[in-house]
Each structure stands twice: as structure tokens, then as C-alpha cells.
PDB file of all heavy atoms in Angstrom:
ATOM      1  N   GLU A   1     111.776 221.086  70.784  1.00  0.00           N
ATOM      2  CA  GLU A   1     112.872 220.888  69.920  1.00  0.00           C
ATOM      3  C   GLU A   1     114.265 221.153  70.694  1.00  0.00           C
ATOM      4  O   GLU A   1     115.262 220.524  70.248  1.00  0.00           O
ATOM      5  CB  GLU A   1     112.747 221.995  68.791  1.00  0.00           C
ATOM      6  CG  GLU A   1     111.581 221.834  67.772  1.00  0.00           C
ATOM      7  CD  GLU A   1     111.859 220.896  66.707  1.00  0.00           C
ATOM      8  OE1 GLU A   1     113.030 220.289  66.672  1.00  0.00           O
ATOM      9  OE2 GLU A   1     111.020 220.494  65.957  1.00  0.00           O
ATOM     10  N   THR A   2     114.158 222.009  71.486  1.00  0.00           N
ATOM     11  CA  THR A   2     115.336 222.376  72.434  1.00  0.00           C
ATOM     12  C   THR A   2     115.916 221.063  73.174  1.00  0.00           C
ATOM     13  O   THR A   2     117.054 220.915  73.174  1.00  0.00           O
ATOM     14  CB  THR A   2     115.154 223.458  73.361  1.00  0.00           C
ATOM     15  OG1 THR A   2     114.728 224.676  72.525  1.00  0.00           O
ATOM     16  CG2 THR A   2     116.376 223.708  74.235  1.00  0.00           C
ATOM     17  N   VAL A   3     114.997 220.400  73.902  1.00  0.00           N
ATOM     18  CA  VAL A   3     115.525 219.266  74.773  1.00  0.00           C
ATOM     19  C   VAL A   3     115.583 217.926  73.990  1.00  0.00           C
ATOM     20  O   VAL A   3     116.183 217.054  74.648  1.00  0.00           O
ATOM     21  CB  VAL A   3     114.447 219.157  75.842  1.00  0.00           C
ATOM     22  CG1 VAL A   3     114.296 220.425  76.706  1.00  0.00           C
ATOM     23  CG2 VAL A   3     113.223 218.671  75.509  1.00  0.00           C
ATOM     24  N   ALA A   4     115.165 217.953  72.761  1.00  0.00           N
ATOM     25  CA  ALA A   4     115.241 216.643  71.938  1.00  0.00           C
ATOM     26  C   ALA A   4     116.637 215.992  71.950  1.00  0.00           C
ATOM     27  O   ALA A   4     116.798 214.941  72.222  1.00  0.00           O
ATOM     28  CB  ALA A   4     114.700 216.723  70.677  1.00  0.00           C
ATOM     29  N   PRO A   5     117.758 216.819  71.588  1.00  0.00           N
ATOM     30  CA  PRO A   5     118.990 216.313  71.596  1.00  0.00           C
ATOM     31  C   PRO A   5     119.527 215.741  72.985  1.00  0.00           C
ATOM     32  O   PRO A   5     120.202 214.782  73.206  1.00  0.00           O
ATOM     33  CB  PRO A   5     119.958 217.305  71.125  1.00  0.00           C
ATOM     34  CG  PRO A   5     119.035 218.372  70.401  1.00  0.00           C
ATOM     35  CD  PRO A   5     117.718 218.134  71.146  1.00  0.00           C
ATOM     36  N   MET A   6     119.133 216.517  74.008  1.00  0.00           N
ATOM     37  CA  MET A   6     119.486 216.047  75.444  1.00  0.00           C
ATOM     38  C   MET A   6     118.899 214.763  75.701  1.00  0.00           C
ATOM     39  O   MET A   6     119.440 214.007  76.521  1.00  0.00           O
ATOM     40  CB  MET A   6     118.865 217.206  76.434  1.00  0.00           C
ATOM     41  CG  MET A   6     119.578 218.594  76.221  1.00  0.00           C
ATOM     42  SD  MET A   6     118.890 219.848  77.243  1.00  0.00           S
ATOM     43  CE  MET A   6     119.391 219.360  78.909  1.00  0.00           C
ATOM     44  N   ILE A   7     117.604 214.566  75.325  1.00  0.00           N
ATOM     45  CA  ILE A   7     116.914 213.284  75.668  1.00  0.00           C
ATOM     46  C   ILE A   7     117.597 212.200  74.856  1.00  0.00           C
ATOM     47  O   ILE A   7     117.712 211.128  75.419  1.00  0.00           O
ATOM     48  CB  ILE A   7     115.450 213.357  75.324  1.00  0.00           C
ATOM     49  CG1 ILE A   7     114.745 214.349  76.334  1.00  0.00           C
ATOM     50  CG2 ILE A   7     114.628 212.117  75.295  1.00  0.00           C
ATOM     51  CD1 ILE A   7     113.296 214.471  76.162  1.00  0.00           C
ATOM     52  N   GLU A   8     118.048 212.379  73.727  1.00  0.00           N
ATOM     53  CA  GLU A   8     118.788 211.407  72.880  1.00  0.00           C
ATOM     54  C   GLU A   8     120.058 210.990  73.616  1.00  0.00           C
ATOM     55  O   GLU A   8     120.439 209.753  73.729  1.00  0.00           O
ATOM     56  CB  GLU A   8     119.058 211.852  71.466  1.00  0.00           C
ATOM     57  CG  GLU A   8     117.865 211.959  70.582  1.00  0.00           C
ATOM     58  CD  GLU A   8     118.183 212.241  69.139  1.00  0.00           C
ATOM     59  OE1 GLU A   8     119.263 213.064  68.891  1.00  0.00           O
ATOM     60  OE2 GLU A   8     117.417 211.804  68.249  1.00  0.00           O
ATOM     61  N   ALA A   9     120.735 212.021  74.041  1.00  0.00           N
ATOM     62  CA  ALA A   9     122.031 211.767  74.904  1.00  0.00           C
ATOM     63  C   ALA A   9     121.798 211.079  76.143  1.00  0.00           C
ATOM     64  O   ALA A   9     122.504 210.097  76.468  1.00  0.00           O
ATOM     65  CB  ALA A   9     122.679 213.037  75.190  1.00  0.00           C
ATOM     66  N   LEU A  10     120.625 211.232  76.851  1.00  0.00           N
ATOM     67  CA  LEU A  10     120.365 210.591  78.103  1.00  0.00           C
ATOM     68  C   LEU A  10     119.984 209.168  77.843  1.00  0.00           C
ATOM     69  O   LEU A  10     120.364 208.200  78.630  1.00  0.00           O
ATOM     70  CB  LEU A  10     119.187 211.299  78.706  1.00  0.00           C
ATOM     71  CG  LEU A  10     119.478 212.583  79.505  1.00  0.00           C
ATOM     72  CD1 LEU A  10     118.123 213.264  79.885  1.00  0.00           C
ATOM     73  CD2 LEU A  10     120.268 212.360  80.764  1.00  0.00           C
ATOM     74  N   THR A  11     119.196 208.896  76.782  1.00  0.00           N
ATOM     75  CA  THR A  11     118.684 207.517  76.508  1.00  0.00           C
ATOM     76  C   THR A  11     119.395 206.590  75.507  1.00  0.00           C
ATOM     77  O   THR A  11     119.263 205.471  75.656  1.00  0.00           O
ATOM     78  CB  THR A  11     117.262 207.708  76.128  1.00  0.00           C
ATOM     79  OG1 THR A  11     117.083 208.343  74.833  1.00  0.00           O
ATOM     80  CG2 THR A  11     116.376 208.483  77.115  1.00  0.00           C
ATOM     81  N   GLY A  12     120.161 207.270  74.607  1.00  0.00           N
ATOM     82  CA  GLY A  12     120.601 206.495  73.551  1.00  0.00           C
ATOM     83  C   GLY A  12     119.567 206.235  72.402  1.00  0.00           C
ATOM     84  O   GLY A  12     119.936 205.454  71.526  1.00  0.00           O
ATOM     85  N   GLY A  13     118.428 206.660  72.515  1.00  0.00           N
ATOM     86  CA  GLY A  13     117.387 206.483  71.508  1.00  0.00           C
ATOM     87  C   GLY A  13     117.436 207.549  70.493  1.00  0.00           C
ATOM     88  O   GLY A  13     118.241 208.514  70.535  1.00  0.00           O
ATOM     89  N   THR A  14     116.454 207.447  69.569  1.00  0.00           N
ATOM     90  CA  THR A  14     116.297 208.352  68.547  1.00  0.00           C
ATOM     91  C   THR A  14     114.919 209.039  68.619  1.00  0.00           C
ATOM     92  O   THR A  14     113.936 208.501  68.787  1.00  0.00           O
ATOM     93  CB  THR A  14     116.286 207.729  67.012  1.00  0.00           C
ATOM     94  OG1 THR A  14     117.489 206.957  66.965  1.00  0.00           O
ATOM     95  CG2 THR A  14     116.024 208.727  66.000  1.00  0.00           C
ATOM     96  N   VAL A  15     115.002 210.284  68.710  1.00  0.00           N
ATOM     97  CA  VAL A  15     113.849 211.295  68.771  1.00  0.00           C
ATOM     98  C   VAL A  15     113.196 211.412  67.453  1.00  0.00           C
ATOM     99  O   VAL A  15     113.912 211.828  66.516  1.00  0.00           O
ATOM    100  CB  VAL A  15     114.123 212.698  69.512  1.00  0.00           C
ATOM    101  CG1 VAL A  15     112.967 213.550  69.344  1.00  0.00           C
ATOM    102  CG2 VAL A  15     114.487 212.466  70.931  1.00  0.00           C
ATOM    103  N   ARG A  16     111.923 211.111  67.370  1.00  0.00           N
ATOM    104  CA  ARG A  16     111.252 211.455  66.102  1.00  0.00           C
ATOM    105  C   ARG A  16     110.328 212.764  66.418  1.00  0.00           C
ATOM    106  O   ARG A  16     110.798 213.793  66.186  1.00  0.00           O
ATOM    107  CB  ARG A  16     110.267 210.270  65.843  1.00  0.00           C
ATOM    108  CG  ARG A  16     111.161 208.996  65.430  1.00  0.00           C
ATOM    109  CD  ARG A  16     111.836 209.262  63.874  1.00  0.00           C
ATOM    110  NE  ARG A  16     112.391 207.965  63.435  1.00  0.00           N
ATOM    111  CZ  ARG A  16     113.504 207.873  63.073  1.00  0.00           C
ATOM    112  NH1 ARG A  16     114.412 208.868  63.064  1.00  0.00           N
ATOM    113  NH2 ARG A  16     113.894 206.664  62.585  1.00  0.00           N
ATOM    114  N   LEU A  17     109.059 212.540  66.647  1.00  0.00           N
ATOM    115  CA  LEU A  17     108.093 213.655  66.752  1.00  0.00           C
ATOM    116  C   LEU A  17     108.386 214.517  68.019  1.00  0.00           C
ATOM    117  O   LEU A  17     108.869 213.989  69.097  1.00  0.00           O
ATOM    118  CB  LEU A  17     106.675 213.284  66.843  1.00  0.00           C
ATOM    119  CG  LEU A  17     105.856 213.094  65.488  1.00  0.00           C
ATOM    120  CD1 LEU A  17     106.566 211.960  64.663  1.00  0.00           C
ATOM    121  CD2 LEU A  17     104.424 212.811  65.767  1.00  0.00           C
ATOM    122  N   ARG A  18     108.343 215.764  67.737  1.00  0.00           N
ATOM    123  CA  ARG A  18     108.540 216.822  68.884  1.00  0.00           C
ATOM    124  C   ARG A  18     107.521 217.868  68.664  1.00  0.00           C
ATOM    125  O   ARG A  18     107.680 218.874  67.913  1.00  0.00           O
ATOM    126  CB  ARG A  18     109.905 217.523  68.733  1.00  0.00           C
ATOM    127  CG  ARG A  18     110.960 216.421  68.734  1.00  0.00           C
ATOM    128  CD  ARG A  18     112.390 217.051  68.402  1.00  0.00           C
ATOM    129  NE  ARG A  18     112.298 217.495  66.985  1.00  0.00           N
ATOM    130  CZ  ARG A  18     112.637 216.882  65.974  1.00  0.00           C
ATOM    131  NH1 ARG A  18     112.689 215.484  66.103  1.00  0.00           N
ATOM    132  NH2 ARG A  18     112.703 217.347  64.705  1.00  0.00           N
ATOM    133  N   ILE A  19     106.328 217.828  69.389  1.00  0.00           N
ATOM    134  CA  ILE A  19     105.181 218.601  69.007  1.00  0.00           C
ATOM    135  C   ILE A  19     104.221 218.647  70.229  1.00  0.00           C
ATOM    136  O   ILE A  19     104.061 217.732  71.010  1.00  0.00           O
ATOM    137  CB  ILE A  19     104.444 218.174  67.723  1.00  0.00           C
ATOM    138  CG1 ILE A  19     103.431 219.194  67.259  1.00  0.00           C
ATOM    139  CG2 ILE A  19     103.821 216.768  67.903  1.00  0.00           C
ATOM    140  CD1 ILE A  19     102.882 219.000  65.940  1.00  0.00           C
ATOM    141  N   LEU A  20     103.418 219.774  70.220  1.00  0.00           N
ATOM    142  CA  LEU A  20     102.394 219.855  71.327  1.00  0.00           C
ATOM    143  C   LEU A  20     101.297 218.847  71.165  1.00  0.00           C
ATOM    144  O   LEU A  20     101.087 218.438  70.112  1.00  0.00           O
ATOM    145  CB  LEU A  20     101.719 221.275  71.390  1.00  0.00           C
ATOM    146  CG  LEU A  20     100.645 221.532  70.574  1.00  0.00           C
ATOM    147  CD1 LEU A  20      99.752 222.723  71.025  1.00  0.00           C
ATOM    148  CD2 LEU A  20     100.870 221.652  69.109  1.00  0.00           C
ATOM    149  N   SER A  21     100.546 218.614  72.290  1.00  0.00           N
ATOM    150  CA  SER A  21      99.198 217.829  72.180  1.00  0.00           C
ATOM    151  C   SER A  21      98.020 218.793  72.352  1.00  0.00           C
ATOM    152  O   SER A  21      98.057 219.741  73.240  1.00  0.00           O
ATOM    153  CB  SER A  21      99.158 216.797  73.325  1.00  0.00           C
ATOM    154  OG  SER A  21      97.890 216.225  73.392  1.00  0.00           O
ATOM    155  N   ASN A  22      97.104 218.728  71.439  1.00  0.00           N
ATOM    156  CA  ASN A  22      95.930 219.500  71.553  1.00  0.00           C
ATOM    157  C   ASN A  22      94.922 218.927  72.588  1.00  0.00           C
ATOM    158  O   ASN A  22      93.802 219.474  72.714  1.00  0.00           O
ATOM    159  CB  ASN A  22      95.224 219.652  70.142  1.00  0.00           C
ATOM    160  CG  ASN A  22      95.978 220.685  69.390  1.00  0.00           C
ATOM    161  OD1 ASN A  22      96.321 220.235  68.151  1.00  0.00           O
ATOM    162  ND2 ASN A  22      96.180 221.852  69.875  1.00  0.00           N
ATOM    163  N   LEU A  23      95.243 217.795  73.193  1.00  0.00           N
ATOM    164  CA  LEU A  23      94.401 217.247  74.278  1.00  0.00           C
ATOM    165  C   LEU A  23      95.043 217.836  75.624  1.00  0.00           C
ATOM    166  O   LEU A  23      95.766 217.414  76.323  1.00  0.00           O
ATOM    167  CB  LEU A  23      94.583 215.733  74.393  1.00  0.00           C
ATOM    168  CG  LEU A  23      93.726 215.131  75.593  1.00  0.00           C
ATOM    169  CD1 LEU A  23      92.423 215.570  75.695  1.00  0.00           C
ATOM    170  CD2 LEU A  23      93.936 213.568  75.492  1.00  0.00           C
ATOM    171  N   ALA A  24      94.529 219.220  75.772  1.00  0.00           N
ATOM    172  CA  ALA A  24      95.014 219.978  76.805  1.00  0.00           C
ATOM    173  C   ALA A  24      94.341 219.596  78.162  1.00  0.00           C
ATOM    174  O   ALA A  24      93.675 220.446  78.730  1.00  0.00           O
ATOM    175  CB  ALA A  24      94.805 221.546  76.468  1.00  0.00           C
ATOM    176  N   ASP A  25      94.539 218.392  78.665  1.00  0.00           N
ATOM    177  CA  ASP A  25      93.733 217.794  79.743  1.00  0.00           C
ATOM    178  C   ASP A  25      94.272 218.477  81.115  1.00  0.00           C
ATOM    179  O   ASP A  25      93.593 218.189  82.148  1.00  0.00           O
ATOM    180  CB  ASP A  25      93.702 216.354  79.730  1.00  0.00           C
ATOM    181  CG  ASP A  25      95.100 215.748  79.738  1.00  0.00           C
ATOM    182  OD1 ASP A  25      96.153 216.483  79.772  1.00  0.00           O
ATOM    183  OD2 ASP A  25      95.189 214.561  80.187  1.00  0.00           O
ATOM    184  N   LEU A  26      95.198 219.197  81.111  1.00  0.00           N
ATOM    185  CA  LEU A  26      95.658 219.966  82.243  1.00  0.00           C
ATOM    186  C   LEU A  26      95.288 221.414  82.301  1.00  0.00           C
ATOM    187  O   LEU A  26      95.471 222.069  83.333  1.00  0.00           O
ATOM    188  CB  LEU A  26      97.155 219.814  82.569  1.00  0.00           C
ATOM    189  CG  LEU A  26      97.615 218.496  82.705  1.00  0.00           C
ATOM    190  CD1 LEU A  26      99.315 218.344  82.858  1.00  0.00           C
ATOM    191  CD2 LEU A  26      97.122 217.779  83.982  1.00  0.00           C
ATOM    192  N   ARG A  27      94.561 221.744  81.145  1.00  0.00           N
ATOM    193  CA  ARG A  27      94.185 223.245  81.009  1.00  0.00           C
ATOM    194  C   ARG A  27      92.751 223.232  80.890  1.00  0.00           C
ATOM    195  O   ARG A  27      92.126 223.347  79.895  1.00  0.00           O
ATOM    196  CB  ARG A  27      94.797 223.838  79.836  1.00  0.00           C
ATOM    197  CG  ARG A  27      94.731 225.353  79.687  1.00  0.00           C
ATOM    198  CD  ARG A  27      95.611 225.800  78.432  1.00  0.00           C
ATOM    199  NE  ARG A  27      95.583 227.249  78.453  1.00  0.00           N
ATOM    200  CZ  ARG A  27      96.209 228.060  77.460  1.00  0.00           C
ATOM    201  NH1 ARG A  27      96.955 227.374  76.503  1.00  0.00           N
ATOM    202  NH2 ARG A  27      96.194 229.426  77.589  1.00  0.00           N
ATOM    203  N   ILE A  28      92.009 222.974  82.000  1.00  0.00           N
ATOM    204  CA  ILE A  28      90.641 222.893  82.059  1.00  0.00           C
ATOM    205  C   ILE A  28      89.858 224.155  82.523  1.00  0.00           C
ATOM    206  O   ILE A  28      90.252 224.725  83.366  1.00  0.00           O
ATOM    207  CB  ILE A  28      90.264 221.599  83.067  1.00  0.00           C
ATOM    208  CG1 ILE A  28      91.020 220.364  82.705  1.00  0.00           C
ATOM    209  CG2 ILE A  28      88.822 221.407  83.102  1.00  0.00           C
ATOM    210  CD1 ILE A  28      90.504 219.829  81.307  1.00  0.00           C
ATOM    211  N   ALA A  29      88.709 224.315  81.799  1.00  0.00           N
ATOM    212  CA  ALA A  29      87.891 225.335  82.159  1.00  0.00           C
ATOM    213  C   ALA A  29      86.463 224.714  82.577  1.00  0.00           C
ATOM    214  O   ALA A  29      86.038 223.729  81.965  1.00  0.00           O
ATOM    215  CB  ALA A  29      87.653 226.368  81.037  1.00  0.00           C
ATOM    216  N   ARG A  30      85.850 225.347  83.615  1.00  0.00           N
ATOM    217  CA  ARG A  30      84.605 224.672  84.114  1.00  0.00           C
ATOM    218  C   ARG A  30      83.403 225.794  84.326  1.00  0.00           C
ATOM    219  O   ARG A  30      83.834 226.930  84.659  1.00  0.00           O
ATOM    220  CB  ARG A  30      84.862 223.956  85.448  1.00  0.00           C
ATOM    221  CG  ARG A  30      86.005 223.019  85.602  1.00  0.00           C
ATOM    222  CD  ARG A  30      86.257 222.548  86.935  1.00  0.00           C
ATOM    223  NE  ARG A  30      87.256 221.562  87.026  1.00  0.00           N
ATOM    224  CZ  ARG A  30      88.440 221.850  87.486  1.00  0.00           C
ATOM    225  NH1 ARG A  30      88.655 223.095  87.875  1.00  0.00           N
ATOM    226  NH2 ARG A  30      89.545 220.929  87.517  1.00  0.00           N
ATOM    227  N   ALA A  31      82.286 225.329  84.235  1.00  0.00           N
ATOM    228  CA  ALA A  31      81.149 226.247  84.332  1.00  0.00           C
ATOM    229  C   ALA A  31      80.022 225.481  84.985  1.00  0.00           C
ATOM    230  O   ALA A  31      79.805 224.247  84.770  1.00  0.00           O
ATOM    231  CB  ALA A  31      80.697 227.018  83.120  1.00  0.00           C
ATOM    232  N   ARG A  32      79.138 226.238  85.891  1.00  0.00           N
ATOM    233  CA  ARG A  32      78.202 225.555  86.478  1.00  0.00           C
ATOM    234  C   ARG A  32      76.876 226.616  86.663  1.00  0.00           C
ATOM    235  O   ARG A  32      77.126 227.801  86.806  1.00  0.00           O
ATOM    236  CB  ARG A  32      78.473 225.168  88.013  1.00  0.00           C
ATOM    237  CG  ARG A  32      77.411 224.637  88.887  1.00  0.00           C
ATOM    238  CD  ARG A  32      77.830 224.525  90.267  1.00  0.00           C
ATOM    239  NE  ARG A  32      76.829 223.948  91.093  1.00  0.00           N
ATOM    240  CZ  ARG A  32      75.803 224.636  91.727  1.00  0.00           C
ATOM    241  NH1 ARG A  32      75.914 226.052  91.522  1.00  0.00           N
ATOM    242  NH2 ARG A  32      74.901 224.140  92.435  1.00  0.00           N
ATOM    243  N   VAL A  33      75.694 226.008  86.422  1.00  0.00           N
ATOM    244  CA  VAL A  33      74.462 226.752  86.692  1.00  0.00           C
ATOM    245  C   VAL A  33      73.478 225.928  87.447  1.00  0.00           C
ATOM    246  O   VAL A  33      73.587 224.714  87.559  1.00  0.00           O
ATOM    247  CB  VAL A  33      73.799 227.073  85.334  1.00  0.00           C
ATOM    248  CG1 VAL A  33      74.660 227.955  84.428  1.00  0.00           C
ATOM    249  CG2 VAL A  33      73.483 225.783  84.516  1.00  0.00           C
TER     250      VAL A  33
END
């Protein structure tokens, strides 16, 4: 939410959705047996 207006100013576009992704593919846990 904080950076959305800054991105609009940088690009001239319109920001719509501003939300996390639940596909946390950089937050991985692993186990081995």
C-alpha cells in the first residue's frame, strides 16, 4: 500500500491490487529421511 502511489508516479499507470501472494516459493522448508 505504501509504495503503490510511488509506482504510479514512476510509470504513469494505475495500480489496482496490492496484496501478498500465498505462493511463498522463496520461503521453503525441506526435510529428508
